[in-house]
Amino acid sequence: MAKARAIVKRRKSVQNIRKITRTMELIATARFKKALDRATMAEAYTRKIAELVADLGASATDVSHPLLEVREHPRKSLLLMLTSNRGLAGGYNGNVIRIATRTLQDHATDRMETRLEVSGKRGLAFCRFRGISVDASYLQFEDRPQFDEVEVLANKYIGMFLRHEIDRVDVAYTRFINAARQEAVVQTLLPMTVSQVGAAVESVRQAKPAATPGKADVTSRKERVPYEFVPDAASILEEIVPVSFKVRLFKCFLDAAVSEQIARMVAMRGATENADEMVKNLTMLYNRARQSQITSELAEIIGGAAALE
């Protein structure tokens, strides 16, 4: 009887864990839908302003902006690593940390001084464990990052870049492609070269669903639009280039938030399915143990009755 009771106790604990994982899966699903809506709304604006910067940069060849100037021999860089504040998200944090660590090693090989800034408790815990120095940390970004908070970071990075305190800004995060595919990448946001912005626009287009057969993709095949600058190209670029950088940085935070909820949703779904399988196996073991005990008790009764005859 002791074995059957142990099995019942263990099955009950597994069922309690299953309730927790199932609840976390439902919460992650609800948060994912909200985060996806925010990322989808920001995607159109991000793509359009990136197209505008690329077209203006290519059209106004005699005008430049400090954020568009590529420095030939960069010696100081800044790496922002976006991780989560909570765990139980599968390989989400591990993939970002792995690619960020590889980038730090590459910069060290190239003798480039790198300033590391981390968003999220999981990334901070890893850096403390490995003894990696962190110059700044941010814990206020959850599943609903606000543009005002990201704009403060963007203004800080723009000021450091213009003062030549850093020569480039990289962001290590999980890029959201679709609900079935997310990719940990390191994206260079500063300096904003025209070719880089154009490549970002093209990658966003490729991530969108394929066009209906027989219909041409007018947006991707259209010719470059000629612009007439009023009052002048310099003043327009002065306004639109910093805005483009802020929006692209905000899009990185939105993608990271969506990818985190997808990873947690998938991880909790897998844990729930494993708990169901364990409950099924424990139930079978309990039935066998109970059957063995009943058989043993019946044998004892029959043996006792035979001894009394």
C-alpha atoms as a PDB file:
ATOM      1  CA  MET A   1       0.000   0.000   0.000  1.00  0.00           C
ATOM      2  CA  ALA A   2       2.926   2.325   0.644  1.00  0.00           C
ATOM      3  CA  LYS A   3       3.989   2.185  -3.022  1.00  0.00           C
ATOM      4  CA  ALA A   4       0.495   3.046  -4.249  1.00  0.00           C
ATOM      5  CA  ARG A   5       0.288   5.997  -1.862  1.00  0.00           C
ATOM      6  CA  ALA A   6       3.664   7.298  -3.083  1.00  0.00           C
ATOM      7  CA  ILE A   7       2.453   7.084  -6.683  1.00  0.00           C
ATOM      8  CA  VAL A   8      -0.757   8.946  -5.808  1.00  0.00           C
ATOM      9  CA  LYS A   9       1.218  11.667  -4.041  1.00  0.00           C
ATOM     10  CA  ARG A  10       3.562  12.094  -6.986  1.00  0.00           C
ATOM     11  CA  ARG A  11       0.683  12.146  -9.486  1.00  0.00           C
ATOM     12  CA  LYS A  12      -1.031  14.861  -7.473  1.00  0.00           C
ATOM     13  CA  SER A  13       2.122  17.003  -7.469  1.00  0.00           C
ATOM     14  CA  VAL A  14       2.474  16.574 -11.243  1.00  0.00           C
ATOM     15  CA  GLN A  15      -1.161  17.595 -11.712  1.00  0.00           C
ATOM     16  CA  ASN A  16      -0.557  20.728  -9.650  1.00  0.00           C
ATOM     17  CA  ILE A  17       2.477  21.599 -11.769  1.00  0.00           C
ATOM     18  CA  ARG A  18       0.398  21.016 -14.894  1.00  0.00           C
ATOM     19  CA  LYS A  19      -2.152  23.573 -13.689  1.00  0.00           C
ATOM     20  CA  ILE A  20       0.641  26.130 -13.289  1.00  0.00           C
ATOM     21  CA  THR A  21       2.201  25.491 -16.707  1.00  0.00           C
ATOM     22  CA  ARG A  22      -1.208  25.540 -18.396  1.00  0.00           C
ATOM     23  CA  THR A  23      -2.039  28.867 -16.744  1.00  0.00           C
ATOM     24  CA  MET A  24       1.320  30.322 -17.794  1.00  0.00           C
ATOM     25  CA  GLU A  25       0.710  29.133 -21.335  1.00  0.00           C
ATOM     26  CA  LEU A  26      -2.652  30.925 -21.457  1.00  0.00           C
ATOM     27  CA  ILE A  27      -1.137  34.110 -20.001  1.00  0.00           C
ATOM     28  CA  ALA A  28       1.726  34.013 -22.524  1.00  0.00           C
ATOM     29  CA  THR A  29      -0.786  33.504 -25.351  1.00  0.00           C
ATOM     30  CA  ALA A  30      -2.797  36.566 -24.304  1.00  0.00           C
ATOM     31  CA  ARG A  31       0.346  38.685 -23.932  1.00  0.00           C
ATOM     32  CA  PHE A  32       1.649  37.446 -27.270  1.00  0.00           C
ATOM     33  CA  LYS A  33      -1.474  38.611 -29.081  1.00  0.00           C
ATOM     34  CA  LYS A  34      -1.233  42.075 -27.530  1.00  0.00           C
ATOM     35  CA  ALA A  35       2.493  42.351 -28.244  1.00  0.00           C
ATOM     36  CA  LEU A  36       1.957  41.144 -31.816  1.00  0.00           C
ATOM     37  CA  ASP A  37      -0.677  43.814 -32.416  1.00  0.00           C
ATOM     38  CA  ARG A  38       1.719  46.517 -31.195  1.00  0.00           C
ATOM     39  CA  ALA A  39       4.579  45.187 -33.343  1.00  0.00           C
ATOM     40  CA  THR A  40       2.318  44.937 -36.401  1.00  0.00           C
ATOM     41  CA  MET A  41       1.134  48.519 -35.993  1.00  0.00           C
ATOM     42  CA  ALA A  42       4.716  49.765 -35.635  1.00  0.00           C
ATOM     43  CA  GLU A  43       5.994  47.695 -38.573  1.00  0.00           C
ATOM     44  CA  ALA A  44       4.268  49.770 -41.269  1.00  0.00           C
ATOM     45  CA  TYR A  45       5.562  53.051 -39.827  1.00  0.00           C
ATOM     46  CA  THR A  46       9.073  51.640 -39.372  1.00  0.00           C
ATOM     47  CA  ARG A  47       9.191  50.334 -42.925  1.00  0.00           C
ATOM     48  CA  LYS A  48       7.902  53.556 -44.453  1.00  0.00           C
ATOM     49  CA  ILE A  49      10.247  55.867 -42.563  1.00  0.00           C
ATOM     50  CA  ALA A  50      13.165  53.573 -43.436  1.00  0.00           C
ATOM     51  CA  GLU A  51      12.180  53.768 -47.107  1.00  0.00           C
ATOM     52  CA  LEU A  52      12.021  57.541 -46.847  1.00  0.00           C
ATOM     53  CA  VAL A  53      15.489  57.781 -45.294  1.00  0.00           C
ATOM     54  CA  ALA A  54      16.926  55.438 -47.948  1.00  0.00           C
ATOM     55  CA  ASP A  55      15.333  57.435 -50.791  1.00  0.00           C
ATOM     56  CA  LEU A  56      16.376  60.789 -49.347  1.00  0.00           C
ATOM     57  CA  GLY A  57      19.917  59.600 -48.723  1.00  0.00           C
ATOM     58  CA  ALA A  58      20.228  58.320 -52.278  1.00  0.00           C
ATOM     59  CA  SER A  59      18.583  61.371 -53.868  1.00  0.00           C
ATOM     60  CA  ALA A  60      20.388  64.080 -51.915  1.00  0.00           C
ATOM     61  CA  THR A  61      23.922  63.010 -52.774  1.00  0.00           C
ATOM     62  CA  ASP A  62      25.388  66.405 -51.873  1.00  0.00           C
ATOM     63  CA  VAL A  63      23.941  66.373 -48.344  1.00  0.00           C
ATOM     64  CA  SER A  64      25.004  64.200 -45.435  1.00  0.00           C
ATOM     65  CA  HIS A  65      23.998  63.671 -41.821  1.00  0.00           C
ATOM     66  CA  PRO A  66      26.338  62.802 -38.920  1.00  0.00           C
ATOM     67  CA  LEU A  67      24.342  59.647 -38.154  1.00  0.00           C
ATOM     68  CA  LEU A  68      24.807  58.481 -41.760  1.00  0.00           C
ATOM     69  CA  GLU A  69      28.602  58.855 -41.772  1.00  0.00           C
ATOM     70  CA  VAL A  70      30.484  55.573 -41.601  1.00  0.00           C
ATOM     71  CA  ARG A  71      33.743  55.760 -39.674  1.00  0.00           C
ATOM     72  CA  GLU A  72      36.487  53.858 -41.424  1.00  0.00           C
ATOM     73  CA  HIS A  73      38.314  52.546 -38.351  1.00  0.00           C
ATOM     74  CA  PRO A  74      35.820  52.148 -35.488  1.00  0.00           C
ATOM     75  CA  ARG A  75      37.543  51.636 -32.156  1.00  0.00           C
ATOM     76  CA  LYS A  76      34.686  52.084 -29.680  1.00  0.00           C
ATOM     77  CA  SER A  77      31.333  50.345 -29.900  1.00  0.00           C
ATOM     78  CA  LEU A  78      28.241  49.868 -27.781  1.00  0.00           C
ATOM     79  CA  LEU A  79      26.359  46.569 -27.588  1.00  0.00           C
ATOM     80  CA  LEU A  80      22.837  46.509 -26.175  1.00  0.00           C
ATOM     81  CA  MET A  81      21.628  43.019 -25.229  1.00  0.00           C
ATOM     82  CA  LEU A  82      17.860  42.539 -24.908  1.00  0.00           C
ATOM     83  CA  THR A  83      16.840  39.674 -22.604  1.00  0.00           C
ATOM     84  CA  SER A  84      13.807  39.003 -20.419  1.00  0.00           C
ATOM     85  CA  ASN A  85      13.121  39.686 -16.755  1.00  0.00           C
ATOM     86  CA  ARG A  86      11.482  36.274 -16.330  1.00  0.00           C
ATOM     87  CA  GLY A  87      12.578  32.761 -17.127  1.00  0.00           C
ATOM     88  CA  LEU A  88      10.694  29.660 -18.327  1.00  0.00           C
ATOM     89  CA  ALA A  89      10.993  30.846 -21.936  1.00  0.00           C
ATOM     90  CA  GLY A  90      12.870  27.938 -23.482  1.00  0.00           C
ATOM     91  CA  GLY A  91      15.985  28.934 -25.386  1.00  0.00           C
ATOM     92  CA  TYR A  92      14.967  32.574 -25.840  1.00  0.00           C
ATOM     93  CA  ASN A  93      17.530  34.115 -23.491  1.00  0.00           C
ATOM     94  CA  GLY A  94      20.204  31.531 -24.249  1.00  0.00           C
ATOM     95  CA  ASN A  95      20.165  32.298 -27.982  1.00  0.00           C
ATOM     96  CA  VAL A  96      20.497  36.060 -27.433  1.00  0.00           C
ATOM     97  CA  ILE A  97      23.236  35.654 -24.822  1.00  0.00           C
ATOM     98  CA  ARG A  98      25.139  33.259 -27.065  1.00  0.00           C
ATOM     99  CA  ILE A  99      25.185  35.582 -30.070  1.00  0.00           C
ATOM    100  CA  ALA A 100      25.988  38.632 -27.899  1.00  0.00           C
ATOM    101  CA  THR A 101      28.920  36.787 -26.287  1.00  0.00           C
ATOM    102  CA  ARG A 102      30.206  35.832 -29.718  1.00  0.00           C
ATOM    103  CA  THR A 103      30.001  39.477 -30.802  1.00  0.00           C
ATOM    104  CA  LEU A 104      31.987  40.573 -27.734  1.00  0.00           C
ATOM    105  CA  GLN A 105      34.662  38.015 -28.573  1.00  0.00           C
ATOM    106  CA  ASP A 106      34.821  39.225 -32.187  1.00  0.00           C
ATOM    107  CA  HIS A 107      35.193  42.828 -31.048  1.00  0.00           C
ATOM    108  CA  ALA A 108      37.954  41.825 -28.642  1.00  0.00           C
ATOM    109  CA  THR A 109      39.734  40.025 -31.482  1.00  0.00           C
ATOM    110  CA  ASP A 110      39.485  43.194 -33.606  1.00  0.00           C
ATOM    111  CA  ARG A 111      40.808  45.222 -30.628  1.00  0.00           C
ATOM    112  CA  MET A 112      37.582  47.192 -30.454  1.00  0.00           C
ATOM    113  CA  GLU A 113      36.605  48.549 -27.057  1.00  0.00           C
ATOM    114  CA  THR A 114      32.984  47.544 -26.407  1.00  0.00           C
ATOM    115  CA  ARG A 115      30.578  49.076 -23.928  1.00  0.00           C
ATOM    116  CA  LEU A 116      28.001  46.453 -22.873  1.00  0.00           C
ATOM    117  CA  GLU A 117      24.518  47.439 -21.778  1.00  0.00           C
ATOM    118  CA  VAL A 118      21.954  44.809 -20.777  1.00  0.00           C
ATOM    119  CA  SER A 119      18.180  44.916 -20.594  1.00  0.00           C
ATOM    120  CA  GLY A 120      16.578  42.172 -18.505  1.00  0.00           C
ATOM    121  CA  LYS A 121      17.381  40.266 -15.310  1.00  0.00           C
ATOM    122  CA  ARG A 122      18.367  37.079 -17.142  1.00  0.00           C
ATOM    123  CA  GLY A 123      21.123  38.782 -19.094  1.00  0.00           C
ATOM    124  CA  LEU A 124      22.379  40.499 -15.944  1.00  0.00           C
ATOM    125  CA  ALA A 125      22.454  37.202 -14.037  1.00  0.00           C
ATOM    126  CA  PHE A 126      24.510  35.611 -16.813  1.00  0.00           C
ATOM    127  CA  CYS A 127      27.004  38.483 -16.870  1.00  0.00           C
ATOM    128  CA  ARG A 128      27.434  38.320 -13.090  1.00  0.00           C
ATOM    129  CA  PHE A 129      27.953  34.569 -13.251  1.00  0.00           C
ATOM    130  CA  ARG A 130      30.565  34.855 -16.014  1.00  0.00           C
ATOM    131  CA  GLY A 131      32.211  37.941 -14.549  1.00  0.00           C
ATOM    132  CA  ILE A 132      31.422  40.121 -17.574  1.00  0.00           C
ATOM    133  CA  SER A 133      31.452  43.838 -16.857  1.00  0.00           C
ATOM    134  CA  VAL A 134      28.145  45.618 -17.560  1.00  0.00           C
ATOM    135  CA  ASP A 135      28.224  49.387 -18.058  1.00  0.00           C
ATOM    136  CA  ALA A 136      24.460  49.946 -17.735  1.00  0.00           C
ATOM    137  CA  SER A 137      21.408  47.821 -16.998  1.00  0.00           C
ATOM    138  CA  TYR A 138      17.689  48.327 -17.598  1.00  0.00           C
ATOM    139  CA  LEU A 139      14.906  46.407 -15.876  1.00  0.00           C
ATOM    140  CA  GLN A 140      11.883  48.558 -16.755  1.00  0.00           C
ATOM    141  CA  PHE A 141      11.159  46.970 -20.154  1.00  0.00           C
ATOM    142  CA  GLU A 142       8.520  44.237 -19.878  1.00  0.00           C
ATOM    143  CA  ASP A 143       6.176  42.803 -22.499  1.00  0.00           C
ATOM    144  CA  ARG A 144       4.839  46.322 -23.242  1.00  0.00           C
ATOM    145  CA  PRO A 145       7.855  48.595 -23.927  1.00  0.00           C
ATOM    146  CA  GLN A 146       6.934  52.269 -24.193  1.00  0.00           C
ATOM    147  CA  PHE A 147       8.314  54.543 -26.884  1.00  0.00           C
ATOM    148  CA  ASP A 148       9.053  57.302 -24.356  1.00  0.00           C
ATOM    149  CA  GLU A 149      11.350  54.990 -22.399  1.00  0.00           C
ATOM    150  CA  VAL A 150      13.107  53.774 -25.544  1.00  0.00           C
ATOM    151  CA  GLU A 151      13.469  57.345 -26.795  1.00  0.00           C
ATOM    152  CA  VAL A 152      15.527  58.207 -23.703  1.00  0.00           C
ATOM    153  CA  LEU A 153      17.979  55.436 -24.639  1.00  0.00           C
ATOM    154  CA  ALA A 154      17.996  56.521 -28.280  1.00  0.00           C
ATOM    155  CA  ASN A 155      18.816  60.144 -27.395  1.00  0.00           C
ATOM    156  CA  LYS A 156      21.601  58.914 -25.129  1.00  0.00           C
ATOM    157  CA  TYR A 157      23.133  56.800 -27.919  1.00  0.00           C
ATOM    158  CA  ILE A 158      22.803  59.599 -30.469  1.00  0.00           C
ATOM    159  CA  GLY A 159      24.599  62.001 -28.132  1.00  0.00           C
ATOM    160  CA  MET A 160      27.405  59.507 -27.469  1.00  0.00           C
ATOM    161  CA  PHE A 161      27.795  58.876 -31.207  1.00  0.00           C
ATOM    162  CA  LEU A 162      27.915  62.564 -32.096  1.00  0.00           C
ATOM    163  CA  ARG A 163      30.474  63.226 -29.337  1.00  0.00           C
ATOM    164  CA  HIS A 164      32.614  60.378 -30.745  1.00  0.00           C
ATOM    165  CA  GLU A 165      32.395  58.451 -27.485  1.00  0.00           C
ATOM    166  CA  ILE A 166      31.292  55.450 -29.567  1.00  0.00           C
ATOM    167  CA  ASP A 167      31.692  54.668 -33.257  1.00  0.00           C
ATOM    168  CA  ARG A 168      28.819  52.186 -33.655  1.00  0.00           C
ATOM    169  CA  VAL A 169      25.739  50.862 -31.857  1.00  0.00           C
ATOM    170  CA  ASP A 170      24.772  47.187 -32.076  1.00  0.00           C
ATOM    171  CA  VAL A 171      21.661  45.534 -30.628  1.00  0.00           C
ATOM    172  CA  ALA A 172      21.513  41.814 -29.817  1.00  0.00           C
ATOM    173  CA  TYR A 173      17.894  40.706 -29.740  1.00  0.00           C
ATOM    174  CA  THR A 174      15.449  38.145 -31.145  1.00  0.00           C
ATOM    175  CA  ARG A 175      14.017  39.372 -34.432  1.00  0.00           C
ATOM    176  CA  PHE A 176      10.379  38.443 -35.008  1.00  0.00           C
ATOM    177  CA  ILE A 177       9.810  37.086 -38.513  1.00  0.00           C
ATOM    178  CA  ASN A 178       6.494  35.304 -38.061  1.00  0.00           C
ATOM    179  CA  ALA A 179       4.687  33.262 -35.439  1.00  0.00           C
ATOM    180  CA  ALA A 180       6.663  30.156 -36.369  1.00  0.00           C
ATOM    181  CA  ARG A 181      10.095  31.724 -36.794  1.00  0.00           C
ATOM    182  CA  GLN A 182      12.185  34.022 -34.617  1.00  0.00           C
ATOM    183  CA  GLU A 183      15.904  34.600 -35.019  1.00  0.00           C
ATOM    184  CA  ALA A 184      18.528  35.871 -32.598  1.00  0.00           C
ATOM    185  CA  VAL A 185      20.546  38.533 -34.434  1.00  0.00           C
ATOM    186  CA  VAL A 186      22.956  41.385 -33.824  1.00  0.00           C
ATOM    187  CA  GLN A 187      21.854  44.443 -35.782  1.00  0.00           C
ATOM    188  CA  THR A 188      23.931  47.584 -36.305  1.00  0.00           C
ATOM    189  CA  LEU A 189      21.750  50.662 -35.845  1.00  0.00           C
ATOM    190  CA  LEU A 190      24.455  53.341 -35.906  1.00  0.00           C
ATOM    191  CA  PRO A 191      25.833  54.540 -38.230  1.00  0.00           C
ATOM    192  CA  MET A 192      22.724  54.369 -40.433  1.00  0.00           C
ATOM    193  CA  THR A 193      24.094  53.763 -43.901  1.00  0.00           C
ATOM    194  CA  VAL A 194      21.714  54.053 -46.849  1.00  0.00           C
ATOM    195  CA  SER A 195      22.484  50.486 -47.948  1.00  0.00           C
ATOM    196  CA  GLN A 196      21.851  49.224 -44.432  1.00  0.00           C
ATOM    197  CA  VAL A 197      18.458  50.927 -44.250  1.00  0.00           C
ATOM    198  CA  GLY A 198      17.561  49.557 -47.667  1.00  0.00           C
ATOM    199  CA  ALA A 199      18.527  46.047 -46.589  1.00  0.00           C
ATOM    200  CA  ALA A 200      16.371  46.400 -43.471  1.00  0.00           C
ATOM    201  CA  VAL A 201      13.401  47.429 -45.590  1.00  0.00           C
ATOM    202  CA  GLU A 202      13.957  44.474 -47.923  1.00  0.00           C
ATOM    203  CA  SER A 203      14.169  42.026 -45.011  1.00  0.00           C
ATOM    204  CA  VAL A 204      10.848  43.315 -43.665  1.00  0.00           C
ATOM    205  CA  ARG A 205       9.276  42.839 -47.067  1.00  0.00           C
ATOM    206  CA  GLN A 206      10.578  39.286 -47.329  1.00  0.00           C
ATOM    207  CA  ALA A 207       9.171  38.482 -43.897  1.00  0.00           C
ATOM    208  CA  LYS A 208       5.669  39.460 -45.032  1.00  0.00           C
ATOM    209  CA  PRO A 209       3.353  36.826 -46.602  1.00  0.00           C
ATOM    210  CA  ALA A 210       3.879  36.091 -50.259  1.00  0.00           C
ATOM    211  CA  ALA A 211       1.867  38.098 -52.732  1.00  0.00           C
ATOM    212  CA  THR A 212      -1.169  36.622 -54.453  1.00  0.00           C
ATOM    213  CA  PRO A 213      -0.194  34.727 -57.654  1.00  0.00           C
ATOM    214  CA  GLY A 214      -0.659  36.874 -60.729  1.00  0.00           C
ATOM    215  CA  LYS A 215      -0.274  40.155 -58.833  1.00  0.00           C
ATOM    216  CA  ALA A 216       3.009  42.035 -59.023  1.00  0.00           C
ATOM    217  CA  ASP A 217       4.651  43.443 -55.930  1.00  0.00           C
ATOM    218  CA  VAL A 218       4.341  47.088 -56.889  1.00  0.00           C
ATOM    219  CA  THR A 219       6.098  48.374 -53.774  1.00  0.00           C
ATOM    220  CA  SER A 220       9.273  46.330 -54.238  1.00  0.00           C
ATOM    221  CA  ARG A 221       9.513  46.956 -57.976  1.00  0.00           C
ATOM    222  CA  LYS A 222       8.687  50.642 -58.107  1.00  0.00           C
ATOM    223  CA  GLU A 223      11.290  53.039 -59.366  1.00  0.00           C
ATOM    224  CA  ARG A 224      12.962  55.460 -57.009  1.00  0.00           C
ATOM    225  CA  VAL A 225      10.809  58.507 -56.412  1.00  0.00           C
ATOM    226  CA  PRO A 226      12.382  61.890 -57.263  1.00  0.00           C
ATOM    227  CA  TYR A 227      12.137  64.324 -54.346  1.00  0.00           C
ATOM    228  CA  GLU A 228      11.906  68.093 -54.318  1.00  0.00           C
ATOM    229  CA  PHE A 229      13.238  69.364 -50.992  1.00  0.00           C
ATOM    230  CA  VAL A 230      11.475  72.281 -49.351  1.00  0.00           C
ATOM    231  CA  PRO A 231      13.097  74.227 -47.774  1.00  0.00           C
ATOM    232  CA  ASP A 232      16.246  72.095 -48.259  1.00  0.00           C
ATOM    233  CA  ALA A 233      17.458  68.495 -47.953  1.00  0.00           C
ATOM    234  CA  ALA A 234      19.736  69.171 -44.992  1.00  0.00           C
ATOM    235  CA  SER A 235      16.941  70.375 -42.697  1.00  0.00           C
ATOM    236  CA  ILE A 236      14.707  67.439 -43.679  1.00  0.00           C
ATOM    237  CA  LEU A 237      17.433  64.884 -43.021  1.00  0.00           C
ATOM    238  CA  GLU A 238      18.227  66.633 -39.742  1.00  0.00           C
ATOM    239  CA  GLU A 239      14.694  65.833 -38.571  1.00  0.00           C
ATOM    240  CA  ILE A 240      13.975  62.461 -40.106  1.00  0.00           C
ATOM    241  CA  VAL A 241      17.242  60.556 -39.523  1.00  0.00           C
ATOM    242  CA  PRO A 242      17.136  60.686 -35.681  1.00  0.00           C
ATOM    243  CA  VAL A 243      13.446  59.733 -35.784  1.00  0.00           C
ATOM    244  CA  SER A 244      14.270  56.760 -37.966  1.00  0.00           C
ATOM    245  CA  PHE A 245      16.909  55.571 -35.511  1.00  0.00           C
ATOM    246  CA  LYS A 246      14.524  55.900 -32.563  1.00  0.00           C
ATOM    247  CA  VAL A 247      11.803  53.983 -34.372  1.00  0.00           C
ATOM    248  CA  ARG A 248      14.172  51.170 -35.386  1.00  0.00           C
ATOM    249  CA  LEU A 249      15.426  50.839 -31.807  1.00  0.00           C
ATOM    250  CA  PHE A 250      11.823  50.751 -30.566  1.00  0.00           C
ATOM    251  CA  LYS A 251      11.041  48.055 -33.145  1.00  0.00           C
ATOM    252  CA  CYS A 252      13.874  45.932 -31.695  1.00  0.00           C
ATOM    253  CA  PHE A 253      12.235  46.112 -28.261  1.00  0.00           C
ATOM    254  CA  LEU A 254       8.836  45.233 -29.739  1.00  0.00           C
ATOM    255  CA  ASP A 255      10.264  42.252 -31.623  1.00  0.00           C
ATOM    256  CA  ALA A 256      12.009  41.056 -28.468  1.00  0.00           C
ATOM    257  CA  ALA A 257       8.754  41.285 -26.502  1.00  0.00           C
ATOM    258  CA  VAL A 258       6.803  39.296 -29.092  1.00  0.00           C
ATOM    259  CA  SER A 259       9.510  36.647 -29.411  1.00  0.00           C
ATOM    260  CA  GLU A 260       9.727  36.254 -25.623  1.00  0.00           C
ATOM    261  CA  GLN A 261       6.011  35.528 -25.312  1.00  0.00           C
ATOM    262  CA  ILE A 262       6.123  33.052 -28.194  1.00  0.00           C
ATOM    263  CA  ALA A 263       9.060  31.225 -26.633  1.00  0.00           C
ATOM    264  CA  ARG A 264       7.336  31.086 -23.238  1.00  0.00           C
ATOM    265  CA  MET A 265       4.083  29.938 -24.825  1.00  0.00           C
ATOM    266  CA  VAL A 266       5.832  27.107 -26.663  1.00  0.00           C
ATOM    267  CA  ALA A 267       7.856  26.107 -23.590  1.00  0.00           C
ATOM    268  CA  MET A 268       4.802  26.012 -21.321  1.00  0.00           C
ATOM    269  CA  ARG A 269       2.798  24.077 -23.903  1.00  0.00           C
ATOM    270  CA  GLY A 270       5.569  21.485 -24.039  1.00  0.00           C
ATOM    271  CA  ALA A 271       5.696  21.321 -20.236  1.00  0.00           C
ATOM    272  CA  THR A 272       1.928  20.848 -20.067  1.00  0.00           C
ATOM    273  CA  GLU A 273       2.034  18.034 -22.610  1.00  0.00           C
ATOM    274  CA  ASN A 274       4.866  16.353 -20.697  1.00  0.00           C
ATOM    275  CA  ALA A 275       2.850  16.639 -17.471  1.00  0.00           C
ATOM    276  CA  ASP A 276      -0.137  14.995 -19.176  1.00  0.00           C
ATOM    277  CA  GLU A 277       2.091  12.148 -20.290  1.00  0.00           C
ATOM    278  CA  MET A 278       3.539  11.752 -16.787  1.00  0.00           C
ATOM    279  CA  VAL A 279       0.057  11.683 -15.223  1.00  0.00           C
ATOM    280  CA  LYS A 280      -0.965   9.009 -17.710  1.00  0.00           C
ATOM    281  CA  ASN A 281       2.096   6.870 -16.914  1.00  0.00           C
ATOM    282  CA  LEU A 282       1.690   7.342 -13.153  1.00  0.00           C
ATOM    283  CA  THR A 283      -1.960   6.339 -13.404  1.00  0.00           C
ATOM    284  CA  MET A 284      -0.956   3.136 -15.170  1.00  0.00           C
ATOM    285  CA  LEU A 285       1.654   2.431 -12.484  1.00  0.00           C
ATOM    286  CA  TYR A 286      -0.902   3.077  -9.750  1.00  0.00           C
ATOM    287  CA  ASN A 287      -3.406   0.716 -11.359  1.00  0.00           C
ATOM    288  CA  ARG A 288      -0.771  -2.004 -11.607  1.00  0.00           C
ATOM    289  CA  ALA A 289       0.365  -1.477  -8.020  1.00  0.00           C
ATOM    290  CA  ARG A 290      -3.234  -1.501  -6.778  1.00  0.00           C
ATOM    291  CA  GLN A 291      -3.987  -4.626  -8.817  1.00  0.00           C
ATOM    292  CA  SER A 292      -0.928  -6.343  -7.357  1.00  0.00           C
ATOM    293  CA  GLN A 293      -1.986  -5.403  -3.833  1.00  0.00           C
ATOM    294  CA  ILE A 294      -5.538  -6.671  -4.379  1.00  0.00           C
ATOM    295  CA  THR A 295      -4.204  -9.928  -5.817  1.00  0.00           C
ATOM    296  CA  SER A 296      -1.899 -10.329  -2.827  1.00  0.00           C
ATOM    297  CA  GLU A 297      -4.723  -9.659  -0.380  1.00  0.00           C
ATOM    298  CA  LEU A 298      -7.011 -12.135  -2.136  1.00  0.00           C
ATOM    299  CA  ALA A 299      -4.262 -14.743  -2.009  1.00  0.00           C
ATOM    300  CA  GLU A 300      -3.848 -14.157   1.716  1.00  0.00           C
ATOM    301  CA  ILE A 301      -7.622 -14.503   2.315  1.00  0.00           C
ATOM    302  CA  ILE A 302      -7.848 -17.677   0.284  1.00  0.00           C
ATOM    303  CA  GLY A 303      -4.771 -19.108   2.060  1.00  0.00           C
ATOM    304  CA  GLY A 304      -6.245 -18.290   5.471  1.00  0.00           C
ATOM    305  CA  ALA A 305      -9.577 -19.827   4.571  1.00  0.00           C
ATOM    306  CA  ALA A 306      -7.859 -23.006   3.365  1.00  0.00           C
ATOM    307  CA  ALA A 307      -5.882 -23.225   6.602  1.00  0.00           C
ATOM    308  CA  LEU A 308      -9.095 -23.124   8.696  1.00  0.00           C
ATOM    309  CA  GLU A 309     -10.649 -26.059   6.884  1.00  0.00           C
END
